[in-house]
Every structure is written in C-alpha cells, then in structure tokens.
Amino acid sequence: MKTFHVLAERPDVPEDWMIFNAPRPMWGTQEWYDKNVYLHGRWFAAISPMDPYKLDMLTRNEQDDGWLIVYHAEEQLQAVGWEWVEKNYPDSDLEPKDPWLTQKGLDILNENIV
C-alpha cells in the first residue's frame, strides 16, 4: 500500500481512522468526493478500525490504487527537513524554521511514493 504525506488539515474524521485517496471511488466507513482537493485523485474514504468490513475495504482500496494519506502540520515537516540538513550539511546557515524545510520534509517522506 502506498502512503502519501501531505501538508494539510486532516478531514473531520476520528484520528484513528485511516484515510485513503484515489482517482476513483473508494470503499470506507465514510466516503466523499472533493472537487477542490486533488492529491492522487479526488475520491476519499475513511475506514474506522471498528468497522466489521475493515479488512475487505483495505484490500479493495489497495487493489483500486488507493493511497493511504498522512496529514502533517508545517512544524512536523520542518523538523523532518531540519534533521536531514543537520545530518547532511551540519555547517549550513539554514534556520530550523526555514520555509524550504517544509517542502524538503514532504520530499523525504514521499520519496518512495512512485
């Protein structure tokens, strides 16, 4: 299953629910289409860990090219980017809150997505 990390506010579903996105309808405890958001597609499905059909929905969503979406705040992504800078460029003059680090954090987390 592919995992896609994004800088965005998490949709209004419980924190322990898995959220999938795809270019086609997905199976879930809650499903929706968002014409204003395009990640891997515009179709979303959230699966409750208590749903009796959870395993069937997970299998089906993976077969239908659904990607698991992980939502992050800017500070989380900057921390990932900063850790990379400290490891690879310890003498860098970047600051820990540099806006560039947000995109670097996303790039690092999503480097194996394709």
PDB file of N, CA and C in Angstrom:
ATOM      1  N   MET A   1       0.844  -1.164   0.000  1.00  0.00           N
ATOM      2  CA  MET A   1       0.000   0.000   0.000  1.00  0.00           C
ATOM      3  C   MET A   1       0.899   1.239   0.000  1.00  0.00           C
ATOM      4  N   LYS A   2       0.600   2.172  -0.882  1.00  0.00           N
ATOM      5  CA  LYS A   2       1.367   3.406  -0.944  1.00  0.00           C
ATOM      6  C   LYS A   2       0.837   4.390   0.092  1.00  0.00           C
ATOM      7  N   THR A   3       1.777   5.123   0.688  1.00  0.00           N
ATOM      8  CA  THR A   3       1.441   6.135   1.672  1.00  0.00           C
ATOM      9  C   THR A   3       1.881   7.485   1.139  1.00  0.00           C
ATOM     10  N   PHE A   4       0.995   8.469   1.202  1.00  0.00           N
ATOM     11  CA  PHE A   4       1.264   9.805   0.683  1.00  0.00           C
ATOM     12  C   PHE A   4       1.136  10.802   1.824  1.00  0.00           C
ATOM     13  N   HIS A   5       2.200  11.550   2.079  1.00  0.00           N
ATOM     14  CA  HIS A   5       2.229  12.537   3.156  1.00  0.00           C
ATOM     15  C   HIS A   5       1.890  13.912   2.592  1.00  0.00           C
ATOM     16  N   VAL A   6       1.039  14.649   3.297  1.00  0.00           N
ATOM     17  CA  VAL A   6       0.606  15.959   2.819  1.00  0.00           C
ATOM     18  C   VAL A   6       0.648  16.997   3.936  1.00  0.00           C
ATOM     19  N   LEU A   7       0.836  18.243   3.524  1.00  0.00           N
ATOM     20  CA  LEU A   7       0.706  19.384   4.424  1.00  0.00           C
ATOM     21  C   LEU A   7      -0.719  19.882   4.253  1.00  0.00           C
ATOM     22  N   ALA A   8      -1.573  19.515   5.169  1.00  0.00           N
ATOM     23  CA  ALA A   8      -2.979  19.890   5.073  1.00  0.00           C
ATOM     24  C   ALA A   8      -3.665  19.586   6.399  1.00  0.00           C
ATOM     25  N   GLU A   9      -4.808  20.218   6.566  1.00  0.00           N
ATOM     26  CA  GLU A   9      -5.619  19.920   7.740  1.00  0.00           C
ATOM     27  C   GLU A   9      -6.356  18.611   7.502  1.00  0.00           C
ATOM     28  N   ARG A  10      -6.330  17.762   8.496  1.00  0.00           N
ATOM     29  CA  ARG A  10      -6.994  16.468   8.386  1.00  0.00           C
ATOM     30  C   ARG A  10      -8.509  16.659   8.283  1.00  0.00           C
ATOM     31  N   PRO A  11      -9.173  15.906   7.399  1.00  0.00           N
ATOM     32  CA  PRO A  11     -10.637  15.977   7.323  1.00  0.00           C
ATOM     33  C   PRO A  11     -11.282  15.642   8.669  1.00  0.00           C
ATOM     34  N   ASP A  12     -12.506  16.007   8.808  1.00  0.00           N
ATOM     35  CA  ASP A  12     -13.226  15.837  10.066  1.00  0.00           C
ATOM     36  C   ASP A  12     -13.686  14.389  10.246  1.00  0.00           C
ATOM     37  N   VAL A  13     -12.708  13.518  10.493  1.00  0.00           N
ATOM     38  CA  VAL A  13     -12.982  12.118  10.849  1.00  0.00           C
ATOM     39  C   VAL A  13     -12.093  11.792  12.052  1.00  0.00           C
ATOM     40  N   PRO A  14     -12.456  10.809  12.858  1.00  0.00           N
ATOM     41  CA  PRO A  14     -11.663  10.492  14.042  1.00  0.00           C
ATOM     42  C   PRO A  14     -10.191  10.197  13.700  1.00  0.00           C
ATOM     43  N   GLU A  15      -9.305  10.559  14.627  1.00  0.00           N
ATOM     44  CA  GLU A  15      -7.859  10.412  14.435  1.00  0.00           C
ATOM     45  C   GLU A  15      -7.419   8.972  14.139  1.00  0.00           C
ATOM     46  N   ASP A  16      -8.120   7.986  14.672  1.00  0.00           N
ATOM     47  CA  ASP A  16      -7.676   6.605  14.481  1.00  0.00           C
ATOM     48  C   ASP A  16      -8.227   5.971  13.194  1.00  0.00           C
ATOM     49  N   TRP A  17      -8.959   6.736  12.390  1.00  0.00           N
ATOM     50  CA  TRP A  17      -9.462   6.229  11.111  1.00  0.00           C
ATOM     51  C   TRP A  17      -8.402   6.414  10.040  1.00  0.00           C
ATOM     52  N   MET A  18      -8.250   5.448   9.163  1.00  0.00           N
ATOM     53  CA  MET A  18      -7.340   5.536   8.033  1.00  0.00           C
ATOM     54  C   MET A  18      -8.055   6.246   6.891  1.00  0.00           C
ATOM     55  N   ILE A  19      -7.356   7.169   6.229  1.00  0.00           N
ATOM     56  CA  ILE A  19      -7.946   7.916   5.122  1.00  0.00           C
ATOM     57  C   ILE A  19      -7.222   7.548   3.834  1.00  0.00           C
ATOM     58  N   PHE A  20      -8.008   7.187   2.818  1.00  0.00           N
ATOM     59  CA  PHE A  20      -7.476   6.819   1.507  1.00  0.00           C
ATOM     60  C   PHE A  20      -7.907   7.839   0.469  1.00  0.00           C
ATOM     61  N   ASN A  21      -7.124   7.936  -0.582  1.00  0.00           N
ATOM     62  CA  ASN A  21      -7.430   8.829  -1.699  1.00  0.00           C
ATOM     63  C   ASN A  21      -7.098   8.104  -2.986  1.00  0.00           C
ATOM     64  N   ALA A  22      -7.920   8.337  -4.023  1.00  0.00           N
ATOM     65  CA  ALA A  22      -7.695   7.681  -5.315  1.00  0.00           C
ATOM     66  C   ALA A  22      -8.414   8.449  -6.423  1.00  0.00           C
ATOM     67  N   PRO A  23      -8.076   8.128  -7.671  1.00  0.00           N
ATOM     68  CA  PRO A  23      -8.766   8.758  -8.793  1.00  0.00           C
ATOM     69  C   PRO A  23     -10.111   8.106  -9.105  1.00  0.00           C
ATOM     70  N   ARG A  24     -10.582   7.229  -8.249  1.00  0.00           N
ATOM     71  CA  ARG A  24     -11.868   6.562  -8.435  1.00  0.00           C
ATOM     72  C   ARG A  24     -12.508   6.373  -7.057  1.00  0.00           C
ATOM     73  N   PRO A  25     -13.784   6.090  -6.987  1.00  0.00           N
ATOM     74  CA  PRO A  25     -14.427   5.893  -5.682  1.00  0.00           C
ATOM     75  C   PRO A  25     -13.745   4.800  -4.865  1.00  0.00           C
ATOM     76  N   MET A  26     -13.672   5.040  -3.576  1.00  0.00           N
ATOM     77  CA  MET A  26     -13.056   4.112  -2.624  1.00  0.00           C
ATOM     78  C   MET A  26     -14.136   3.576  -1.690  1.00  0.00           C
ATOM     79  N   TRP A  27     -13.799   2.486  -1.027  1.00  0.00           N
ATOM     80  CA  TRP A  27     -14.693   1.884  -0.036  1.00  0.00           C
ATOM     81  C   TRP A  27     -14.280   2.382   1.340  1.00  0.00           C
ATOM     82  N   GLY A  28     -15.259   2.714   2.181  1.00  0.00           N
ATOM     83  CA  GLY A  28     -14.932   3.161   3.520  1.00  0.00           C
ATOM     84  C   GLY A  28     -16.148   3.260   4.408  1.00  0.00           C
ATOM     85  N   THR A  29     -15.874   3.462   5.667  1.00  0.00           N
ATOM     86  CA  THR A  29     -16.934   3.718   6.632  1.00  0.00           C
ATOM     87  C   THR A  29     -17.594   5.052   6.284  1.00  0.00           C
ATOM     88  N   GLN A  30     -16.775   5.967   5.801  1.00  0.00           N
ATOM     89  CA  GLN A  30     -17.255   7.272   5.319  1.00  0.00           C
ATOM     90  C   GLN A  30     -16.540   7.533   4.000  1.00  0.00           C
ATOM     91  N   GLU A  31     -17.293   7.973   2.991  1.00  0.00           N
ATOM     92  CA  GLU A  31     -16.721   8.213   1.660  1.00  0.00           C
ATOM     93  C   GLU A  31     -17.117   9.599   1.186  1.00  0.00           C
ATOM     94  N   TRP A  32     -16.246  10.253   0.393  1.00  0.00           N
ATOM     95  CA  TRP A  32     -16.586  11.553  -0.155  1.00  0.00           C
ATOM     96  C   TRP A  32     -15.739  11.880  -1.379  1.00  0.00           C
ATOM     97  N   TYR A  33     -16.251  12.842  -2.140  1.00  0.00           N
ATOM     98  CA  TYR A  33     -15.583  13.373  -3.324  1.00  0.00           C
ATOM     99  C   TYR A  33     -15.323  14.841  -3.035  1.00  0.00           C
ATOM    100  N   ASP A  34     -14.117  15.319  -3.332  1.00  0.00           N
ATOM    101  CA  ASP A  34     -13.793  16.717  -3.077  1.00  0.00           C
ATOM    102  C   ASP A  34     -13.280  17.364  -4.354  1.00  0.00           C
ATOM    103  N   LYS A  35     -14.098  18.189  -4.962  1.00  0.00           N
ATOM    104  CA  LYS A  35     -13.718  18.819  -6.230  1.00  0.00           C
ATOM    105  C   LYS A  35     -12.635  19.877  -6.044  1.00  0.00           C
ATOM    106  N   ASN A  36     -12.371  20.284  -4.806  1.00  0.00           N
ATOM    107  CA  ASN A  36     -11.380  21.323  -4.529  1.00  0.00           C
ATOM    108  C   ASN A  36     -10.011  20.777  -4.124  1.00  0.00           C
ATOM    109  N   VAL A  37      -9.916  19.481  -3.901  1.00  0.00           N
ATOM    110  CA  VAL A  37      -8.647  18.880  -3.463  1.00  0.00           C
ATOM    111  C   VAL A  37      -8.268  17.771  -4.425  1.00  0.00           C
ATOM    112  N   TYR A  38      -7.037  17.842  -4.922  1.00  0.00           N
ATOM    113  CA  TYR A  38      -6.526  16.753  -5.761  1.00  0.00           C
ATOM    114  C   TYR A  38      -5.193  16.319  -5.178  1.00  0.00           C
ATOM    115  N   LEU A  39      -5.133  15.101  -4.689  1.00  0.00           N
ATOM    116  CA  LEU A  39      -3.882  14.522  -4.196  1.00  0.00           C
ATOM    117  C   LEU A  39      -3.446  13.465  -5.209  1.00  0.00           C
ATOM    118  N   HIS A  40      -3.978  12.265  -5.046  1.00  0.00           N
ATOM    119  CA  HIS A  40      -3.781  11.180  -6.015  1.00  0.00           C
ATOM    120  C   HIS A  40      -5.045  11.066  -6.867  1.00  0.00           C
ATOM    121  N   GLY A  41      -6.040  11.795  -6.459  1.00  0.00           N
ATOM    122  CA  GLY A  41      -7.346  11.846  -7.089  1.00  0.00           C
ATOM    123  C   GLY A  41      -8.248  12.708  -6.222  1.00  0.00           C
ATOM    124  N   ARG A  42      -9.538  12.679  -6.502  1.00  0.00           N
ATOM    125  CA  ARG A  42     -10.485  13.496  -5.742  1.00  0.00           C
ATOM    126  C   ARG A  42     -11.423  12.659  -4.857  1.00  0.00           C
ATOM    127  N   TRP A  43     -11.284  11.344  -4.911  1.00  0.00           N
ATOM    128  CA  TRP A  43     -12.153  10.467  -4.123  1.00  0.00           C
ATOM    129  C   TRP A  43     -11.451  10.088  -2.825  1.00  0.00           C
ATOM    130  N   PHE A  44     -12.200  10.123  -1.720  1.00  0.00           N
ATOM    131  CA  PHE A  44     -11.652   9.823  -0.403  1.00  0.00           C
ATOM    132  C   PHE A  44     -12.531   8.794   0.299  1.00  0.00           C
ATOM    133  N   ALA A  45     -11.898   8.028   1.160  1.00  0.00           N
ATOM    134  CA  ALA A  45     -12.629   7.092   2.018  1.00  0.00           C
ATOM    135  C   ALA A  45     -11.888   6.996   3.343  1.00  0.00           C
ATOM    136  N   ALA A  46     -12.628   7.038   4.425  1.00  0.00           N
ATOM    137  CA  ALA A  46     -12.064   6.882   5.760  1.00  0.00           C
ATOM    138  C   ALA A  46     -12.608   5.581   6.338  1.00  0.00           C
ATOM    139  N   ILE A  47     -11.710   4.801   6.929  1.00  0.00           N
ATOM    140  CA  ILE A  47     -12.100   3.491   7.460  1.00  0.00           C
ATOM    141  C   ILE A  47     -11.919   3.474   8.976  1.00  0.00           C
ATOM    142  N   SER A  48     -12.990   3.164   9.648  1.00  0.00           N
ATOM    143  CA  SER A  48     -12.953   3.041  11.105  1.00  0.00           C
ATOM    144  C   SER A  48     -12.261   1.722  11.486  1.00  0.00           C
ATOM    145  N   PRO A  49     -11.427   1.743  12.519  1.00  0.00           N
ATOM    146  CA  PRO A  49     -10.806   0.494  12.960  1.00  0.00           C
ATOM    147  C   PRO A  49     -11.822  -0.497  13.527  1.00  0.00           C
ATOM    148  N   MET A  50     -13.021  -0.024  13.819  1.00  0.00           N
ATOM    149  CA  MET A  50     -14.064  -0.884  14.374  1.00  0.00           C
ATOM    150  C   MET A  50     -15.048  -1.383  13.321  1.00  0.00           C
ATOM    151  N   ASP A  51     -14.878  -0.948  12.082  1.00  0.00           N
ATOM    152  CA  ASP A  51     -15.803  -1.355  11.023  1.00  0.00           C
ATOM    153  C   ASP A  51     -15.670  -2.855  10.767  1.00  0.00           C
ATOM    154  N   PRO A  52     -16.775  -3.599  10.755  1.00  0.00           N
ATOM    155  CA  PRO A  52     -16.692  -5.042  10.545  1.00  0.00           C
ATOM    156  C   PRO A  52     -16.161  -5.424   9.157  1.00  0.00           C
ATOM    157  N   TYR A  53     -16.197  -4.487   8.205  1.00  0.00           N
ATOM    158  CA  TYR A  53     -15.705  -4.760   6.853  1.00  0.00           C
ATOM    159  C   TYR A  53     -14.336  -4.125   6.599  1.00  0.00           C
ATOM    160  N   LYS A  54     -13.656  -3.748   7.665  1.00  0.00           N
ATOM    161  CA  LYS A  54     -12.377  -3.042   7.568  1.00  0.00           C
ATOM    162  C   LYS A  54     -11.381  -3.763   6.651  1.00  0.00           C
ATOM    163  N   LEU A  55     -11.149  -5.035   6.870  1.00  0.00           N
ATOM    164  CA  LEU A  55     -10.156  -5.770   6.068  1.00  0.00           C
ATOM    165  C   LEU A  55     -10.556  -5.848   4.597  1.00  0.00           C
ATOM    166  N   ASP A  56     -11.837  -6.052   4.329  1.00  0.00           N
ATOM    167  CA  ASP A  56     -12.318  -6.073   2.944  1.00  0.00           C
ATOM    168  C   ASP A  56     -12.108  -4.712   2.280  1.00  0.00           C
ATOM    169  N   MET A  57     -12.402  -3.639   3.011  1.00  0.00           N
ATOM    170  CA  MET A  57     -12.246  -2.298   2.452  1.00  0.00           C
ATOM    171  C   MET A  57     -10.765  -1.983   2.204  1.00  0.00           C
ATOM    172  N   LEU A  58      -9.902  -2.353   3.129  1.00  0.00           N
ATOM    173  CA  LEU A  58      -8.464  -2.131   2.948  1.00  0.00           C
ATOM    174  C   LEU A  58      -7.947  -2.862   1.712  1.00  0.00           C
ATOM    175  N   THR A  59      -8.341  -4.107   1.570  1.00  0.00           N
ATOM    176  CA  THR A  59      -7.910  -4.901   0.419  1.00  0.00           C
ATOM    177  C   THR A  59      -8.415  -4.293  -0.881  1.00  0.00           C
ATOM    178  N   ARG A  60      -9.671  -3.945  -0.896  1.00  0.00           N
ATOM    179  CA  ARG A  60     -10.278  -3.380  -2.110  1.00  0.00           C
ATOM    180  C   ARG A  60      -9.662  -2.037  -2.481  1.00  0.00           C
ATOM    181  N   ASN A  61      -9.429  -1.192  -1.482  1.00  0.00           N
ATOM    182  CA  ASN A  61      -8.844   0.119  -1.761  1.00  0.00           C
ATOM    183  C   ASN A  61      -7.416  -0.004  -2.287  1.00  0.00           C
ATOM    184  N   GLU A  62      -6.668  -0.943  -1.758  1.00  0.00           N
ATOM    185  CA  GLU A  62      -5.313  -1.154  -2.268  1.00  0.00           C
ATOM    186  C   GLU A  62      -5.352  -1.678  -3.704  1.00  0.00           C
ATOM    187  N   GLN A  63      -6.259  -2.599  -3.992  1.00  0.00           N
ATOM    188  CA  GLN A  63      -6.404  -3.123  -5.350  1.00  0.00           C
ATOM    189  C   GLN A  63      -6.829  -2.029  -6.331  1.00  0.00           C
ATOM    190  N   ASP A  64      -7.598  -1.062  -5.852  1.00  0.00           N
ATOM    191  CA  ASP A  64      -8.090   0.027  -6.702  1.00  0.00           C
ATOM    192  C   ASP A  64      -7.157   1.239  -6.687  1.00  0.00           C
ATOM    193  N   ASP A  65      -5.898   1.027  -6.300  1.00  0.00           N
ATOM    194  CA  ASP A  65      -4.866   2.062  -6.310  1.00  0.00           C
ATOM    195  C   ASP A  65      -5.145   3.197  -5.333  1.00  0.00           C
ATOM    196  N   GLY A  66      -5.754   2.873  -4.212  1.00  0.00           N
ATOM    197  CA  GLY A  66      -5.950   3.869  -3.167  1.00  0.00           C
ATOM    198  C   GLY A  66      -4.662   4.071  -2.386  1.00  0.00           C
ATOM    199  N   TRP A  67      -4.353   5.305  -2.094  1.00  0.00           N
ATOM    200  CA  TRP A  67      -3.172   5.642  -1.302  1.00  0.00           C
ATOM    201  C   TRP A  67      -3.607   6.065   0.088  1.00  0.00           C
ATOM    202  N   LEU A  68      -2.904   5.578   1.091  1.00  0.00           N
ATOM    203  CA  LEU A  68      -3.137   5.997   2.466  1.00  0.00           C
ATOM    204  C   LEU A  68      -2.578   7.413   2.613  1.00  0.00           C
ATOM    205  N   ILE A  69      -3.382   8.329   3.150  1.00  0.00           N
ATOM    206  CA  ILE A  69      -2.969   9.721   3.296  1.00  0.00           C
ATOM    207  C   ILE A  69      -2.615   9.991   4.758  1.00  0.00           C
ATOM    208  N   VAL A  70      -1.433  10.604   4.952  1.00  0.00           N
ATOM    209  CA  VAL A  70      -0.989  11.004   6.282  1.00  0.00           C
ATOM    210  C   VAL A  70      -0.886  12.524   6.284  1.00  0.00           C
ATOM    211  N   TYR A  71      -1.612  13.153   7.185  1.00  0.00           N
ATOM    212  CA  TYR A  71      -1.673  14.612   7.258  1.00  0.00           C
ATOM    213  C   TYR A  71      -0.652  15.116   8.271  1.00  0.00           C
ATOM    214  N   HIS A  72       0.047  16.197   7.895  1.00  0.00           N
ATOM    215  CA  HIS A  72       1.081  16.772   8.759  1.00  0.00           C
ATOM    216  C   HIS A  72       0.878  18.276   8.912  1.00  0.00           C
ATOM    217  N   ALA A  73       1.338  18.794  10.048  1.00  0.00           N
ATOM    218  CA  ALA A  73       1.431  20.234  10.265  1.00  0.00           C
ATOM    219  C   ALA A  73       2.789  20.701   9.743  1.00  0.00           C
ATOM    220  N   GLU A  74       2.889  21.976   9.455  1.00  0.00           N
ATOM    221  CA  GLU A  74       4.132  22.529   8.914  1.00  0.00           C
ATOM    222  C   GLU A  74       5.326  22.265   9.837  1.00  0.00           C
ATOM    223  N   GLU A  75       5.113  22.374  11.136  1.00  0.00           N
ATOM    224  CA  GLU A  75       6.206  22.171  12.095  1.00  0.00           C
ATOM    225  C   GLU A  75       6.768  20.744  12.019  1.00  0.00           C
ATOM    226  N   GLN A  76       5.898  19.770  11.809  1.00  0.00           N
ATOM    227  CA  GLN A  76       6.356  18.374  11.688  1.00  0.00           C
ATOM    228  C   GLN A  76       7.250  18.204  10.469  1.00  0.00           C
ATOM    229  N   LEU A  77       6.835  18.782   9.357  1.00  0.00           N
ATOM    230  CA  LEU A  77       7.604  18.652   8.117  1.00  0.00           C
ATOM    231  C   LEU A  77       8.925  19.405   8.209  1.00  0.00           C
ATOM    232  N   GLN A  78       8.915  20.573   8.841  1.00  0.00           N
ATOM    233  CA  GLN A  78      10.157  21.314   9.020  1.00  0.00           C
ATOM    234  C   GLN A  78      11.133  20.528   9.884  1.00  0.00           C
ATOM    235  N   ALA A  79      10.643  19.822  10.883  1.00  0.00           N
ATOM    236  CA  ALA A  79      11.514  19.011  11.736  1.00  0.00           C
ATOM    237  C   ALA A  79      12.172  17.893  10.937  1.00  0.00           C
ATOM    238  N   VAL A  80      11.425  17.267  10.034  1.00  0.00           N
ATOM    239  CA  VAL A  80      11.995  16.208   9.180  1.00  0.00           C
ATOM    240  C   VAL A  80      13.069  16.808   8.277  1.00  0.00           C
ATOM    241  N   GLY A  81      12.770  17.948   7.664  1.00  0.00           N
ATOM    242  CA  GLY A  81      13.741  18.613   6.802  1.00  0.00           C
ATOM    243  C   GLY A  81      14.976  19.055   7.570  1.00  0.00           C
ATOM    244  N   TRP A  82      14.784  19.590   8.771  1.00  0.00           N
ATOM    245  CA  TRP A  82      15.901  20.056   9.590  1.00  0.00           C
ATOM    246  C   TRP A  82      16.814  18.900   9.994  1.00  0.00           C
ATOM    247  N   GLU A  83      16.221  17.777  10.345  1.00  0.00           N
ATOM    248  CA  GLU A  83      17.022  16.595  10.696  1.00  0.00           C
ATOM    249  C   GLU A  83      17.918  16.195   9.522  1.00  0.00           C
ATOM    250  N   TRP A  84      17.368  16.256   8.304  1.00  0.00           N
ATOM    251  CA  TRP A  84      18.136  15.922   7.106  1.00  0.00           C
ATOM    252  C   TRP A  84      19.288  16.906   6.915  1.00  0.00           C
ATOM    253  N   VAL A  85      19.006  18.209   7.093  1.00  0.00           N
ATOM    254  CA  VAL A  85      20.047  19.237   6.942  1.00  0.00           C
ATOM    255  C   VAL A  85      21.153  19.027   7.965  1.00  0.00           C
ATOM    256  N   GLU A  86      20.786  18.808   9.215  1.00  0.00           N
ATOM    257  CA  GLU A  86      21.798  18.606  10.260  1.00  0.00           C
ATOM    258  C   GLU A  86      22.685  17.397   9.973  1.00  0.00           C
ATOM    259  N   LYS A  87      22.106  16.350   9.431  1.00  0.00           N
ATOM    260  CA  LYS A  87      22.866  15.132   9.125  1.00  0.00           C
ATOM    261  C   LYS A  87      23.768  15.320   7.907  1.00  0.00           C
ATOM    262  N   ASN A  88      23.247  15.957   6.862  1.00  0.00           N
ATOM    263  CA  ASN A  88      23.969  16.043   5.595  1.00  0.00           C
ATOM    264  C   ASN A  88      24.762  17.336   5.398  1.00  0.00           C
ATOM    265  N   TYR A  89      24.360  18.406   6.044  1.00  0.00           N
ATOM    266  CA  TYR A  89      25.021  19.706   5.890  1.00  0.00           C
ATOM    267  C   TYR A  89      25.126  20.395   7.249  1.00  0.00           C
ATOM    268  N   PRO A  90      25.919  19.839   8.158  1.00  0.00           N
ATOM    269  CA  PRO A  90      25.984  20.377   9.525  1.00  0.00           C
ATOM    270  C   PRO A  90      26.451  21.835   9.603  1.00  0.00           C
ATOM    271  N   ASP A  91      27.143  22.323   8.591  1.00  0.00           N
ATOM    272  CA  ASP A  91      27.616  23.708   8.598  1.00  0.00           C
ATOM    273  C   ASP A  91      26.675  24.658   7.863  1.00  0.00           C
ATOM    274  N   SER A  92      25.486  24.204   7.506  1.00  0.00           N
ATOM    275  CA  SER A  92      24.523  25.017   6.778  1.00  0.00           C
ATOM    276  C   SER A  92      24.102  26.226   7.616  1.00  0.00           C
ATOM    277  N   ASP A  93      23.794  27.321   6.946  1.00  0.00           N
ATOM    278  CA  ASP A  93      23.310  28.502   7.656  1.00  0.00           C
ATOM    279  C   ASP A  93      21.780  28.595   7.649  1.00  0.00           C
ATOM    280  N   LEU A  94      21.117  27.518   7.262  1.00  0.00           N
ATOM    281  CA  LEU A  94      19.653  27.490   7.339  1.00  0.00           C
ATOM    282  C   LEU A  94      19.204  27.532   8.796  1.00  0.00           C
ATOM    283  N   GLU A  95      18.036  28.088   9.007  1.00  0.00           N
ATOM    284  CA  GLU A  95      17.422  28.110  10.331  1.00  0.00           C
ATOM    285  C   GLU A  95      16.410  26.972  10.423  1.00  0.00           C
ATOM    286  N   PRO A  96      16.160  26.433  11.626  1.00  0.00           N
ATOM    287  CA  PRO A  96      15.226  25.306  11.777  1.00  0.00           C
ATOM    288  C   PRO A  96      13.804  25.580  11.287  1.00  0.00           C
ATOM    289  N   LYS A  97      13.407  26.830  11.153  1.00  0.00           N
ATOM    290  CA  LYS A  97      12.045  27.167  10.708  1.00  0.00           C
ATOM    291  C   LYS A  97      12.029  27.700   9.276  1.00  0.00           C
ATOM    292  N   ASP A  98      13.100  27.499   8.527  1.00  0.00           N
ATOM    293  CA  ASP A  98      13.154  27.982   7.148  1.00  0.00           C
ATOM    294  C   ASP A  98      12.020  27.348   6.342  1.00  0.00           C
ATOM    295  N   PRO A  99      11.252  28.128   5.580  1.00  0.00           N
ATOM    296  CA  PRO A  99      10.135  27.582   4.799  1.00  0.00           C
ATOM    297  C   PRO A  99      10.553  26.483   3.822  1.00  0.00           C
ATOM    298  N   TRP A 100      11.757  26.510   3.342  1.00  0.00           N
ATOM    299  CA  TRP A 100      12.260  25.480   2.427  1.00  0.00           C
ATOM    300  C   TRP A 100      12.201  24.098   3.064  1.00  0.00           C
ATOM    301  N   LEU A 101      12.376  24.048   4.379  1.00  0.00           N
ATOM    302  CA  LEU A 101      12.396  22.767   5.079  1.00  0.00           C
ATOM    303  C   LEU A 101      11.051  22.048   5.031  1.00  0.00           C
ATOM    304  N   THR A 102       9.965  22.803   4.903  1.00  0.00           N
ATOM    305  CA  THR A 102       8.639  22.183   4.800  1.00  0.00           C
ATOM    306  C   THR A 102       8.567  21.304   3.563  1.00  0.00           C
ATOM    307  N   GLN A 103       8.952  21.847   2.417  1.00  0.00           N
ATOM    308  CA  GLN A 103       8.931  21.062   1.180  1.00  0.00           C
ATOM    309  C   GLN A 103       9.945  19.934   1.226  1.00  0.00           C
ATOM    310  N   LYS A 104      11.113  20.181   1.823  1.00  0.00           N
ATOM    311  CA  LYS A 104      12.127  19.121   1.938  1.00  0.00           C
ATOM    312  C   LYS A 104      11.585  17.973   2.777  1.00  0.00           C
ATOM    313  N   GLY A 105      10.878  18.280   3.850  1.00  0.00           N
ATOM    314  CA  GLY A 105      10.269  17.239   4.680  1.00  0.00           C
ATOM    315  C   GLY A 105       9.278  16.405   3.885  1.00  0.00           C
ATOM    316  N   LEU A 106       8.439  17.063   3.086  1.00  0.00           N
ATOM    317  CA  LEU A 106       7.496  16.327   2.232  1.00  0.00           C
ATOM    318  C   LEU A 106       8.233  15.460   1.224  1.00  0.00           C
ATOM    319  N   ASP A 107       9.265  16.019   0.609  1.00  0.00           N
ATOM    320  CA  ASP A 107      10.044  15.254  -0.384  1.00  0.00           C
ATOM    321  C   ASP A 107      10.652  14.007   0.241  1.00  0.00           C
ATOM    322  N   ILE A 108      11.179  14.140   1.439  1.00  0.00           N
ATOM    323  CA  ILE A 108      11.800  12.992   2.121  1.00  0.00           C
ATOM    324  C   ILE A 108      10.743  11.928   2.432  1.00  0.00           C
ATOM    325  N   LEU A 109       9.629  12.336   2.995  1.00  0.00           N
ATOM    326  CA  LEU A 109       8.587  11.375   3.377  1.00  0.00           C
ATOM    327  C   LEU A 109       7.941  10.700   2.174  1.00  0.00           C
ATOM    328  N   ASN A 110       7.903  11.402   1.040  1.00  0.00           N
ATOM    329  CA  ASN A 110       7.248  10.857  -0.151  1.00  0.00           C
ATOM    330  C   ASN A 110       8.230  10.325  -1.186  1.00  0.00           C
ATOM    331  N   GLU A 111       9.490  10.151  -0.828  1.00  0.00           N
ATOM    332  CA  GLU A 111      10.479   9.762  -1.848  1.00  0.00           C
ATOM    333  C   GLU A 111      10.230   8.392  -2.454  1.00  0.00           C
ATOM    334  N   ASN A 112       9.521   7.531  -1.805  1.00  0.00           N
ATOM    335  CA  ASN A 112       9.266   6.191  -2.335  1.00  0.00           C
ATOM    336  C   ASN A 112       7.845   6.006  -2.859  1.00  0.00           C
ATOM    337  N   ILE A 113       7.161   7.102  -3.120  1.00  0.00           N
ATOM    338  CA  ILE A 113       5.743   7.012  -3.493  1.00  0.00           C
ATOM    339  C   ILE A 113       5.526   6.461  -4.888  1.00  0.00           C
ATOM    340  N   VAL A 114       6.422   6.703  -5.805  1.00  0.00           N
ATOM    341  CA  VAL A 114       6.196   6.301  -7.196  1.00  0.00           C
ATOM    342  C   VAL A 114       6.605   4.871  -7.412  1.00  0.00           C
TER     343      VAL A 114
END
